[in-house]
Protein backbone atom coordinates (compact mmCIF):
# COMPACT_ATOMS: atom_id res chain seq x y z
CA MET A 1 0.09 -0.08 0.22
CA ARG A 2 2.70 2.18 0.80
CA CYS A 3 4.20 1.69 -2.40
CA HIS A 4 1.36 2.52 -4.22
CA LEU A 5 1.13 5.85 -2.65
CA ARG A 6 4.30 6.79 -3.25
CA LYS A 7 4.61 6.10 -6.74
CA ASN A 8 0.89 8.32 -7.17
CA ALA A 9 2.44 10.90 -5.03
CA VAL A 10 5.63 10.95 -7.65
CA LEU A 11 3.35 11.01 -10.59
CA ALA A 12 1.51 13.88 -9.13
CA VAL A 13 4.49 15.97 -8.21
CA LEU A 14 6.03 15.00 -11.51
CA LEU A 15 2.54 16.68 -13.41
CA LEU A 16 2.71 19.54 -10.93
CA ALA A 17 5.95 20.56 -11.90
CA GLY A 18 5.90 20.09 -15.59
CA GLY A 19 2.51 21.69 -15.61
CA LEU A 20 3.46 24.86 -13.99
CA TYR A 21 6.40 24.89 -15.91
CA PHE A 22 4.27 24.95 -19.34
CA ILE A 23 1.67 27.40 -17.25
CA SER A 24 5.05 29.55 -17.47
CA HIS A 25 5.80 29.25 -20.69
CA SER A 26 2.11 30.91 -21.91
CA SER A 27 2.96 30.44 -25.91
CA VAL A 28 2.18 27.15 -25.40
CA LEU A 29 -1.06 26.92 -22.47
CA VAL A 30 -2.49 30.15 -23.08
CA ALA A 31 -6.41 29.66 -23.49
CA GLY A 32 -8.37 31.51 -25.77
CA PRO A 33 -8.68 31.53 -29.91
CA ALA A 34 -5.91 29.93 -32.11
CA ARG A 35 -3.23 33.27 -32.67
CA SER A 36 -1.94 31.56 -36.08
CA SER A 37 -1.99 34.41 -38.63
CA GLU A 38 -1.78 31.96 -41.31
CA HIS A 39 -3.20 32.11 -44.22
CA THR A 40 -6.20 29.12 -43.94
CA PRO A 41 -7.75 27.91 -47.34
CA ASN A 42 -11.43 28.04 -47.75
CA GLU A 43 -11.69 24.79 -47.54
CA LEU A 44 -10.94 24.37 -43.58
CA SER A 45 -13.21 25.88 -41.16
CA TRP A 46 -12.10 27.05 -37.67
CA GLN A 47 -13.74 25.89 -34.27
CA ALA A 48 -11.80 27.67 -31.49
CA GLU A 49 -13.56 25.72 -28.71
CA ARG A 50 -13.85 22.66 -28.10
CA LEU A 51 -17.02 20.66 -28.89
CA VAL A 52 -17.75 19.30 -24.98
CA THR A 53 -19.53 21.23 -22.59
CA LYS A 54 -18.39 23.26 -19.47
CA GLU A 55 -20.04 20.70 -17.59
CA SER A 56 -18.22 17.97 -18.79
CA TRP A 57 -16.20 15.78 -16.38
CA VAL A 58 -13.14 16.72 -17.97
CA ASP A 59 -13.67 20.39 -16.75
CA GLN A 60 -14.98 19.70 -13.68
CA GLY A 61 -11.61 17.65 -12.99
CA ASP A 62 -9.00 18.79 -10.57
CA TYR A 63 -6.32 19.06 -13.00
CA LEU A 64 -4.02 21.61 -14.37
CA PRO A 65 -5.22 23.47 -17.37
CA LEU A 66 -3.92 22.14 -20.37
CA ASN A 67 -6.40 24.07 -22.92
CA VAL A 68 -5.69 24.38 -26.71
CA SER A 69 -7.70 25.67 -29.80
CA TYR A 70 -8.40 22.87 -32.06
CA GLN A 71 -9.28 23.65 -36.09
CA LEU A 72 -12.79 21.23 -36.89
CA LEU A 73 -12.24 20.01 -40.58
CA ALA A 74 -15.16 17.83 -40.81
CA GLY A 75 -17.91 16.28 -38.73
CA ALA A 76 -19.10 17.30 -35.20
CA PRO A 77 -19.27 14.83 -32.32
CA SER A 78 -22.23 14.24 -30.74
CA PHE A 79 -22.73 15.61 -27.07
CA GLN A 80 -24.06 12.03 -26.05
CA GLN A 81 -21.56 10.13 -24.51
CA ARG A 82 -20.68 6.95 -26.70
CA TYR A 83 -19.05 3.46 -25.69
CA LEU A 84 -15.80 4.17 -27.32
CA SER A 85 -13.60 6.83 -29.09
CA ILE A 86 -11.06 5.74 -31.70
CA GLY A 87 -7.83 8.46 -31.80
CA ILE A 88 -6.15 8.18 -35.19
CA SER A 89 -3.04 10.63 -35.96
CA SER A 90 -2.38 11.03 -39.35
CA ILE A 91 0.52 13.21 -41.31
CA ASN A 92 1.97 13.43 -45.36
CA ARG A 93 3.55 10.33 -45.41
CA LYS A 94 6.37 10.47 -48.22
CA LYS A 95 5.67 7.03 -49.98
CA GLY A 96 1.70 6.87 -49.84
CA SER A 97 -1.42 7.22 -47.68
CA TYR A 98 -3.61 4.54 -45.56
CA LEU A 99 -5.45 6.76 -43.75
CA ILE A 100 -8.26 6.42 -45.96
CA PRO A 101 -8.57 2.43 -46.20
CA THR A 102 -7.62 2.35 -42.38
CA LEU A 103 -11.14 4.26 -41.81
CA GLN A 104 -12.57 2.00 -44.14
CA SER A 105 -11.83 -0.78 -42.34
CA LEU A 106 -12.89 0.53 -39.01
CA PHE A 107 -16.38 1.39 -40.46
CA HIS A 108 -17.00 -1.78 -42.71
CA GLN A 109 -15.72 -4.13 -40.22
CA SER A 110 -18.64 -2.81 -37.91
CA SER A 111 -22.22 -3.38 -37.62
CA THR A 112 -24.62 -0.81 -37.71
CA GLU A 113 -25.12 -0.73 -33.76
CA GLU A 114 -21.63 -0.78 -33.40
CA ARG A 115 -20.70 2.39 -35.39
CA SER A 116 -23.62 3.98 -33.40
CA SER A 117 -21.50 3.10 -30.12
CA MET A 118 -18.16 5.04 -31.59
CA VAL A 119 -16.59 7.78 -32.93
CA VAL A 120 -13.40 8.07 -34.53
CA VAL A 121 -11.48 11.20 -34.10
CA VAL A 122 -8.79 11.90 -36.72
CA LEU A 123 -6.44 14.52 -36.03
CA LEU A 124 -4.10 15.90 -39.13
CA ALA A 125 -1.38 16.67 -37.47
CA ASP A 126 0.91 17.98 -40.67
CA PHE A 127 1.48 21.24 -40.85
CA ASP A 128 0.85 21.42 -44.51
CA ASP A 129 -2.19 23.41 -45.64
CA SER A 130 -2.40 22.07 -49.05
CA TRP A 131 -2.02 18.18 -48.04
CA ARG A 132 -4.55 18.79 -45.49
CA VAL A 133 -7.24 20.14 -47.47
CA THR A 134 -6.72 17.45 -49.98
CA THR A 135 -7.45 14.86 -47.43
CA VAL A 136 -10.18 16.16 -46.17
CA ARG A 137 -11.64 16.24 -49.34
CA GLU A 138 -10.98 13.04 -49.89
CA VAL A 139 -12.71 12.08 -46.24
CA LYS A 140 -15.49 14.30 -47.05
CA THR A 141 -16.13 12.23 -50.19
CA ALA A 142 -15.52 8.85 -48.93
CA PHE A 143 -17.44 9.12 -45.58
CA ALA A 144 -20.40 11.61 -45.82
CA SER A 145 -22.93 9.32 -43.72
CA GLU A 146 -20.59 8.89 -40.97
CA LEU A 147 -19.47 12.55 -40.75
CA GLU A 148 -22.98 13.49 -40.82
CA GLN A 149 -24.01 11.19 -37.86
CA GLY A 150 -21.28 12.19 -35.68
CA GLN A 151 -19.25 9.13 -36.04
CA LEU A 152 -16.13 10.44 -37.43
CA VAL A 153 -14.70 14.00 -36.88
CA VAL A 154 -11.52 15.40 -38.35
CA ILE A 155 -9.21 18.39 -36.44
CA HIS A 156 -6.19 19.72 -36.92
CA VAL A 157 -3.74 21.77 -33.96
CA PRO A 158 -1.97 24.89 -35.48
CA GLN A 159 2.09 24.54 -35.21
CA ASP A 160 1.98 27.47 -32.48
CA TRP A 161 0.31 25.84 -30.17
CA TYR A 162 3.27 23.18 -30.01
CA PRO A 163 6.30 23.33 -27.80
CA PRO A 164 10.07 23.43 -28.89
CA LEU A 165 10.39 20.49 -31.71
CA THR A 166 13.76 21.28 -32.43
CA GLY A 167 17.15 21.61 -30.43
CA LEU A 168 16.06 18.66 -28.18
CA LYS A 169 17.65 16.42 -25.91
CA ARG A 170 19.40 13.36 -27.71
CA ASN A 171 18.44 10.56 -25.66
CA TYR A 172 19.27 7.21 -26.67
CA ASN A 173 21.81 8.57 -29.32
CA ASP A 174 18.71 9.16 -31.94
CA SER A 175 19.35 11.44 -34.68
CA PRO A 176 18.23 15.14 -34.09
CA GLN A 177 15.57 14.41 -36.92
CA ARG A 178 14.16 10.86 -35.51
CA VAL A 179 14.40 12.77 -31.79
CA SER A 180 11.95 15.75 -33.25
CA PHE A 181 9.67 13.06 -35.12
CA ARG A 182 9.10 11.23 -32.08
CA SER A 183 8.65 14.16 -29.60
CA LYS A 184 5.99 16.00 -32.19
CA GLN A 185 4.54 12.53 -32.29
CA ASN A 186 4.09 12.19 -28.87
CA MET A 187 2.51 16.28 -28.69
CA ASP A 188 0.23 15.07 -31.68
CA TYR A 189 -1.14 11.97 -29.56
CA SER A 190 -1.33 14.40 -26.53
CA PHE A 191 -3.57 16.92 -28.18
CA LEU A 192 -5.48 14.10 -29.88
CA ILE A 193 -6.36 12.14 -26.51
CA HIS A 194 -7.39 15.68 -24.69
CA TYR A 195 -10.03 16.40 -27.55
CA SER A 196 -11.30 12.79 -27.21
CA ALA A 197 -11.41 12.55 -23.56
CA SER A 198 -14.85 13.41 -23.12
CA LEU A 199 -16.58 11.64 -26.11
CA ALA A 200 -16.82 8.20 -24.87
CA GLN A 201 -16.56 5.87 -21.95
CA TYR A 202 -13.25 4.35 -23.43
CA TYR A 203 -10.72 5.23 -25.68
CA LEU A 204 -8.68 3.68 -28.26
CA GLN A 205 -5.73 4.38 -29.90
CA LEU A 206 -4.53 3.65 -33.02
CA GLU A 207 -2.11 4.41 -35.68
CA ASP A 208 -3.08 5.54 -39.67
CA ASP A 209 -1.91 2.27 -41.35
CA VAL A 210 -4.00 -0.48 -39.88
CA SER A 211 -6.84 -3.00 -40.98
CA SER A 212 -9.47 -3.91 -38.02
CA ALA A 213 -11.13 -7.48 -37.31
CA LYS A 214 -14.40 -7.67 -37.88
CA ASN A 215 -17.09 -6.43 -35.00
CA PHE A 216 -13.73 -5.38 -33.09
CA LEU A 217 -16.08 -2.91 -30.70
CA THR A 218 -18.22 -6.48 -29.32
CA THR A 219 -14.86 -8.20 -28.69
CA ILE A 220 -13.23 -5.25 -26.49
CA ARG A 221 -16.90 -4.34 -24.99
CA ARG A 222 -16.92 -8.53 -23.98
CA HIS A 223 -13.05 -8.48 -22.93
CA VAL A 224 -13.77 -4.83 -20.68
CA LYS A 225 -16.61 -7.04 -18.86
CA GLY A 226 -14.29 -9.91 -18.25
CA GLN A 227 -11.97 -8.04 -16.39
CA GLU A 228 -14.58 -6.36 -14.52
CA ALA A 229 -15.87 -9.84 -13.90
CA LYS A 230 -12.64 -11.40 -12.52
CA LYS A 231 -12.23 -7.75 -10.54
CA ILE A 232 -8.82 -7.18 -12.39
CA THR A 233 -7.48 -3.80 -11.70
CA TRP A 234 -6.25 -2.59 -15.30
CA ALA A 235 -4.88 1.06 -16.82
CA MET A 236 -4.18 -0.40 -20.21
CA LEU A 237 -5.78 -3.18 -21.85
CA GLU A 238 -3.79 -4.26 -25.12
CA PHE A 239 -5.56 -5.46 -28.53
CA SER A 240 -2.59 -5.66 -30.74
CA SER A 241 1.34 -6.34 -29.49
CA LEU A 242 2.78 -3.66 -31.89
CA GLY A 243 3.59 -0.22 -30.97
CA TYR A 244 0.71 2.52 -30.21
CA ILE A 245 -2.15 0.20 -31.97
CA GLY A 246 -5.04 -1.32 -30.20
CA LYS A 247 -4.53 0.35 -26.75
CA LEU A 248 -7.41 0.79 -24.68
CA TYR A 249 -7.71 2.90 -21.77
CA LYS A 250 -10.72 4.31 -19.42
CA SER A 251 -11.76 8.01 -19.68
CA VAL A 252 -11.08 8.54 -16.80
CA HIS A 253 -7.48 8.21 -16.68
CA LEU A 254 -7.07 9.87 -19.94
CA PRO A 255 -6.37 13.76 -18.31
CA LEU A 256 -3.45 12.40 -16.46
CA LEU A 257 -1.88 10.38 -19.91
CA VAL A 258 -2.28 13.52 -21.59
CA ARG A 259 -0.49 15.62 -19.44
CA PHE A 260 1.92 12.60 -18.84
CA LEU A 261 2.90 12.82 -22.93
CA PHE A 262 2.89 16.47 -22.52
CA LEU A 263 5.26 16.57 -20.05
CA PHE A 264 7.85 14.17 -20.82
CA TYR A 265 6.98 14.38 -25.00
CA GLN A 266 11.17 15.15 -25.56
CA GLU A 267 12.08 12.19 -23.60
CA MET A 268 11.32 8.86 -25.36
CA PRO A 269 8.90 7.04 -27.78
CA CYS A 270 5.40 7.27 -27.55
CA ASP A 271 4.81 3.71 -26.73
CA TRP A 272 7.59 3.30 -24.28
CA LEU A 273 6.01 6.11 -22.20
CA MET A 274 2.46 4.66 -22.05
CA SER A 275 4.51 1.68 -20.67
CA HIS A 276 5.45 4.17 -17.77
CA PHE A 277 2.29 5.25 -17.60
CA ARG A 278 0.61 2.02 -17.15
CA GLU A 279 2.86 0.87 -14.26
CA LEU A 280 2.59 4.29 -12.19
CA LEU A 281 -1.24 3.55 -12.35
CA THR A 282 -0.15 0.29 -10.66
CA GLN A 283 -0.61 -2.26 -13.58
CA LYS A 284 2.52 -4.19 -13.35
CA GLU A 285 2.07 -6.64 -16.29
CA ARG A 286 1.15 -6.26 -19.71
CA ILE A 287 -2.51 -7.63 -20.49
CA LEU A 288 -2.42 -8.48 -24.10
CA LEU A 289 -5.39 -10.25 -25.16
CA LYS A 290 -5.18 -12.65 -28.31
CA PRO A 291 -6.00 -12.83 -31.11
CA SER A 292 -5.26 -9.40 -32.20
CA LEU A 293 -8.03 -7.08 -33.19
CA PHE A 294 -5.64 -4.63 -35.32
CA GLN A 295 -3.16 -5.43 -37.89
CA HIS A 296 -0.46 -3.12 -39.21
CA VAL A 297 -0.25 -2.73 -42.96
CA GLY A 298 1.51 -0.06 -43.65
CA THR A 299 4.97 -0.83 -46.06
CA PHE A 300 6.76 2.49 -45.36
CA SER A 301 7.01 3.89 -42.20
CA SER A 302 6.09 7.79 -41.63
CA PHE A 303 9.25 8.75 -40.57
CA GLU A 304 11.14 9.51 -43.87
CA GLY A 305 9.38 6.59 -45.84
CA THR A 306 11.53 3.78 -44.22
CA TYR A 307 10.43 0.14 -45.06
CA ASN A 308 8.59 -1.28 -42.18
CA LYS A 309 7.54 -4.87 -42.40
CA LEU A 310 6.16 -5.06 -38.86
CA LYS A 311 3.38 -7.68 -38.87
CA ASP A 312 1.05 -9.32 -35.91
CA LYS A 313 1.35 -12.15 -36.00
CA ASP A 314 -1.68 -13.20 -33.79
CA PHE A 315 -4.24 -10.90 -35.84
CA GLU A 316 -7.42 -12.71 -37.41
CA GLU A 317 -9.37 -10.60 -39.78
CA GLU A 318 -12.15 -12.62 -39.99
CA PHE A 319 -12.54 -12.96 -36.18
CA TYR A 320 -16.45 -14.25 -36.09
CA ASN A 321 -16.18 -16.27 -39.30
CA ASN A 322 -17.24 -19.55 -37.70
CA PRO A 323 -21.05 -20.56 -37.87
CA ALA A 324 -22.85 -22.06 -35.31
CA ALA A 325 -22.28 -25.43 -34.18
CA GLU A 326 -21.87 -28.38 -31.08
CA VAL A 327 -18.36 -29.61 -30.41
CA TYR A 328 -17.53 -32.68 -29.33
CA SER A 329 -14.58 -35.09 -28.37
CA ASP A 330 -13.73 -38.00 -26.82
CA MET A 331 -9.92 -36.22 -25.33
CA SER A 332 -9.61 -35.62 -21.96
CA ALA A 333 -9.60 -31.71 -21.31
CA TYR A 334 -7.39 -30.46 -18.86
CA LYS A 335 -9.67 -28.38 -15.97
CA ASN A 336 -11.37 -25.74 -18.15
CA HIS A 337 -9.94 -26.00 -21.64
CA VAL A 338 -12.79 -27.72 -23.62
CA PRO A 339 -13.03 -28.71 -26.72
CA LYS A 340 -15.38 -25.80 -28.03
CA HIS A 341 -13.06 -23.19 -27.04
CA ALA A 342 -11.03 -23.89 -30.28
CA TRP A 343 -13.87 -23.15 -32.36
CA GLU A 344 -15.07 -19.98 -30.49
CA ALA A 345 -13.84 -16.70 -30.72
CA GLY A 346 -11.64 -15.52 -27.89
CA GLU A 347 -7.99 -16.34 -26.96
CA GLU A 348 -9.07 -19.57 -25.03
CA PHE A 349 -7.96 -22.98 -26.37
CA PHE A 350 -8.87 -27.02 -25.90
CA TRP A 351 -6.27 -28.81 -23.98
CA GLY A 352 -5.95 -32.52 -23.95
CA ARG A 353 -4.38 -34.95 -22.26
CA ALA A 354 -2.32 -37.90 -24.15
CA LEU A 355 -4.00 -39.00 -27.16
CA GLU A 356 -4.61 -42.48 -28.15
CA LYS A 357 -5.31 -43.19 -31.92
CA ASP A 358 -8.47 -42.89 -33.03
CA ASN A 359 -9.14 -39.87 -30.71
CA TYR A 360 -11.21 -36.95 -32.39
CA LEU A 361 -12.76 -33.48 -31.85
CA THR A 362 -16.01 -32.88 -33.92
CA VAL A 363 -17.89 -30.01 -35.15
CA VAL A 364 -21.33 -30.41 -36.25
CA LEU A 365 -22.67 -27.00 -37.88
CA ALA A 366 -25.88 -25.90 -37.11
CA VAL A 367 -26.85 -25.71 -40.82
CA PRO A 368 -25.27 -27.58 -43.41
CA ALA A 369 -22.85 -25.06 -45.43
CA VAL A 370 -20.29 -25.42 -48.16
CA VAL A 371 -17.17 -25.11 -46.79
CA THR A 372 -14.26 -23.01 -48.61
CA GLU A 373 -11.08 -22.44 -46.43
CA ILE A 374 -9.92 -24.50 -43.27
CA PHE A 375 -7.26 -23.21 -40.82
CA VAL A 376 -6.03 -25.36 -37.82
CA GLU A 377 -3.70 -24.40 -35.48
CA THR A 378 -1.95 -26.76 -32.61
CA GLY A 379 0.23 -25.73 -30.18
CA SER A 380 1.99 -22.91 -28.11
CA GLU A 381 5.51 -21.67 -28.51
CA GLY A 382 6.48 -24.98 -30.08
CA LYS A 383 4.60 -27.28 -27.46
CA ASP A 384 1.95 -29.70 -27.26
CA LEU A 385 1.60 -29.95 -30.87
CA LEU A 386 -1.21 -32.30 -32.66
CA GLU A 387 1.58 -34.43 -33.99
CA SER A 388 -0.40 -37.14 -36.11
CA ALA A 389 -4.11 -36.31 -37.56
CA GLN A 390 -6.09 -35.77 -40.68
CA VAL A 391 -9.18 -33.51 -41.17
CA GLU A 392 -11.97 -34.62 -42.40
CA LEU A 393 -15.62 -33.24 -43.90
CA GLY A 394 -18.81 -35.36 -43.78
CA HIS A 395 -22.45 -35.03 -43.99
CA ASP A 396 -25.81 -36.33 -42.77
CA VAL A 397 -25.79 -36.05 -38.95
CA VAL A 398 -26.53 -38.73 -36.82
CA THR A 399 -26.91 -39.12 -33.05
CA ILE A 400 -24.59 -41.55 -31.33
CA LYS A 401 -23.78 -42.70 -27.48
CA ASN A 402 -25.02 -40.08 -24.54
CA GLY A 403 -26.85 -38.06 -27.63
CA GLU A 404 -23.57 -36.95 -29.02
CA LYS A 405 -23.59 -36.22 -33.06
CA ASN A 406 -21.79 -37.42 -35.58
CA CYS A 407 -21.78 -37.23 -39.35
CA THR A 408 -21.77 -40.46 -41.77
CA ASP A 409 -19.60 -40.68 -45.27
CA LEU A 410 -16.59 -38.74 -43.61
CA GLN A 411 -14.02 -37.85 -46.37
CA SER A 412 -10.31 -36.74 -45.42
CA VAL A 413 -9.63 -33.39 -46.61
CA GLY A 414 -5.69 -33.72 -45.49
CA THR A 415 -2.91 -34.02 -43.01
CA VAL A 416 -2.02 -31.94 -40.05
CA VAL A 417 1.68 -31.13 -40.52
CA ASN A 418 4.29 -29.76 -37.94
CA GLY A 419 0.75 -29.02 -35.70
CA ARG A 420 -0.83 -26.93 -38.31
CA PHE A 421 -3.39 -27.42 -41.45
CA GLU A 422 -4.44 -24.78 -44.11
CA MET A 423 -6.80 -25.20 -47.02
CA HIS A 424 -8.09 -22.88 -49.57
CA GLU A 425 -10.49 -23.35 -52.11
CA VAL A 426 -11.69 -26.66 -50.52
CA ASN A 427 -15.13 -26.21 -52.48
CA ILE A 428 -13.39 -27.10 -55.95
CA LYS A 429 -12.71 -30.38 -54.43
CA TYR A 430 -15.77 -30.79 -52.18
CA ASN A 431 -18.33 -29.08 -53.63
CA SER A 432 -21.56 -30.43 -51.64
CA ALA A 433 -22.46 -28.94 -48.19
CA SER A 434 -20.68 -30.27 -45.00
CA SER A 435 -22.60 -30.71 -41.77
CA CYS A 436 -19.21 -31.94 -39.75
CA LEU A 437 -15.64 -30.81 -39.66
CA ARG A 438 -13.63 -33.71 -37.86
CA ILE A 439 -9.91 -33.88 -36.50
CA GLN A 440 -9.28 -37.71 -36.17
CA VAL A 441 -5.82 -38.50 -34.40
CA THR A 442 -3.84 -41.04 -36.53
CA ALA A 443 -1.23 -42.01 -33.90
CA ALA A 444 -0.59 -41.95 -29.96
CA GLN A 445 1.35 -39.50 -28.61
CA LYS A 446 2.56 -38.92 -24.89
CA ASP A 447 2.43 -35.11 -25.07
CA TRP A 448 -0.61 -33.39 -24.19
CA VAL A 449 -1.84 -31.38 -27.01
CA ILE A 450 -3.37 -27.57 -27.44
CA ILE A 451 -5.69 -27.07 -30.21
CA LYS A 452 -5.92 -22.94 -30.34
CA LYS A 453 -8.14 -22.48 -33.13
CA ILE A 454 -10.23 -24.11 -35.68
CA ARG A 455 -11.33 -21.49 -38.22
CA ILE A 456 -13.54 -22.05 -41.40
CA ALA A 457 -15.16 -20.27 -44.19
CA THR A 458 -18.09 -21.01 -45.65
CA LYS A 459 -20.46 -20.20 -48.50
CA LEU A 460 -24.18 -20.22 -49.15
CA SER A 461 -25.24 -23.52 -50.44
CA THR A 462 -27.89 -24.46 -52.96
CA PRO A 463 -30.62 -27.14 -52.09
CA GLN A 464 -28.42 -29.65 -54.72
CA GLN A 465 -25.41 -29.36 -52.74
CA GLN A 466 -27.17 -29.40 -49.32
CA ALA A 467 -28.58 -32.84 -51.35
CA GLY A 468 -24.88 -33.89 -51.79
CA VAL A 469 -25.51 -33.85 -55.37
C-alpha cells in the first residue's frame, strides 16, 4: 500500500512540476482562440472551442489547465457520450497514404449498432495546408454518412500550440531528426487524446495504417466486461502487440495521460511512455488479449518513408467467421480448457491430455454449408503440438452415444503437418454442403495437445449441394 501511495505521489509531483513549467511558457498553454495568423484555405473551417460542454467531467476534474484550440475540419461529435472513442493521428507520408483504407476498415468491419456506439477522431497533424485540404476532401467524399452521424470527426492543431520541436535532448543517441519526429508524435497524441477524452467511456489508440478485425468493438466490450468480472485493476488493455496500436484506456485516466505525454514529450517514444504510464497506475504486467484485433498494414514508415515490415502474428481479420455449431470430443480436457474453445472466438483454447489413436474432435454445424477454407492451429510456442492427425468433412448427421452427434460419409481432406492444417478453395474438390468437420488422431502421442483455433469459411449452398449432389 505504501509503495502504491509513493508512486502516485511521485506522478502527482511530476505532473505538477511539469504543469507549472508549461504554464510559465504561455506560448503553449494560453487559453482562448487560435493565435495563428497564417492564411487558411477556404476548404478549412475554424473552431476555437472544443465541442464539449463546460459541465463535462473533464472540465470539472481537479487537473492542471491544458488549454488548446482545435481546428474542426470535418464532422462534429455528438454531445451524447458513446462507448468508444478511437483516436488516429495522420501526417503526410513520403510514400503513399493509408488513412482512407484504415477508416474504411474500421467502419466496414463494424455493424450498424457498433458504429452508433463509437466515434473516430482523426487528427491531421501535418502543417502542410495543401495536404490537409486534399485529405479533408477525400474524407468528406468517402465518409459523408459517418461525418453526418457524428461517427467521424477530423481536427487539426496549429503549429504555434506545440512546444519546441528542435534542439531537444538526444536520448538513446537518436538523430536530431528522429528526436524531433517522435517528440512531435507525443504531442500529437497528447492533443488528440485531450480532444477525445469526454466523448466516450473508453478510448482506443490506433495508427493511420491498420486494418481491423470484424466486430472489433463487440470483442473489446466483451473483454472489458471480462476484466470487470475478474475484478482485475487495469490501466491499459492491449489488442495488438505492436507499437501504439490497439491500446485501450478508461476515459477517467485520460487527463493524466494527456499531461504525462505532454510533460515527457522529448524523453522517449510514445509506446515507451505509455508503458511507464501503465506502471505508474499500478498495472505492473501487460494485459495483451489474443487474437489481435488490429493489424499493421503500412509498408513504409511515416518517418522518412523507411521500409517497415512489422506484422502482428496473432491478428485474425475474420474473427467471427465460424458458423454456429456443437463441438464434441472423446479426448480428456485439462481443467476448463474444453473442446468448444478451439471453435469459439477469443483467446481460449482446447487442452487435451495424452492422446490415443482414433481420438477425435468433431464440429457439427447447425446449418449445412459449403466449406471454402479450413485452418487448424495447434500447440503453443512449439510445445503441445498435434503430431499426427487428419482433417475430415462429413454429411448426414446422426446421434450416437449419450446424445452426441456425428456424421456419416466422412472424407479426409488432408493431414496435419507440424501441428497446422490450412486449405483454401476446399469447395473445388468438395463442392457439396458439409455438416461436420472432424479432426481424427492417427497415432498415439505422450505429449498433451493444445488446439488453439479451428477456423472455417463457408458460402451459401444450393438445395442440390445440401443434398450432396
